[in-house]
Amino acid sequence: MRPRPPRRALLGVFGALGSIALGGCLAEGNRATPTPRPDADGDGAPDHGDDYPTDDRRAVRTFRSTGSPTLQPGEFTAIALTNAPTARGDVLHYEVTVAGSTPVDCLVLERDPYDAYVDGARDVPIVDEYSRVGVREAEVTVELDRGEYLFVLDHTALKTDPGSDPVTVEHVVEMAEPAPTSTEE
């Protein structure tokens, strides 16, 4: 029977091996080796955490809605974009495609005009900067000002005559946090 090596000798061997193994991961024994953080759009958000790595206006998606409702003349559908009057800086992106030749309105309304609109008013103000009227296709990306907004796919007579035919509207609506305003080195 061979004698066992003392415990202290084994710990010394494992300790030396551990230092050698860790030495490959650590520069000068105790500092991490820097890893580059690719940022293709230069917005300060590394690509691995950027939902929009090629868009320097947006960084992280916070909301997404898709669908393809069929709207009868006189109907609309709405999506809440912000839920607090103090919200500011989020980026709205929407894409809309109408099947057929009848246009629809892609409207953004503030909360009070929207509430009046739901109650039947058709003379309410829209936020022109964010809205597109009489479209069969639209793509918009804008940073929202402070406020509470609703996105409306409108097939009423608010802006564009709906005609007599129903329309099917494919849409994608996204909200995203804006890209950082400065980059950290």
Foldseek 3Di string as FASTA:
>chain_A
DDDDDDPVVVVVVVVVVVQVVCCVQAPPSPHGDDDDFDQQCPLQAGPVQAPCSNDNWFGFWDDKDWDKDKAFQPDKDKDKDDDDLQDFFKKKKKKKAKPDDFFWKWFKAFDVLVVVVVVPDLAGDTDVVQIDGRDRIDIDIDTDGRGIIMIMGGLYVSPPPNPGGIIIMIMMIIIGHTRDPDHDD
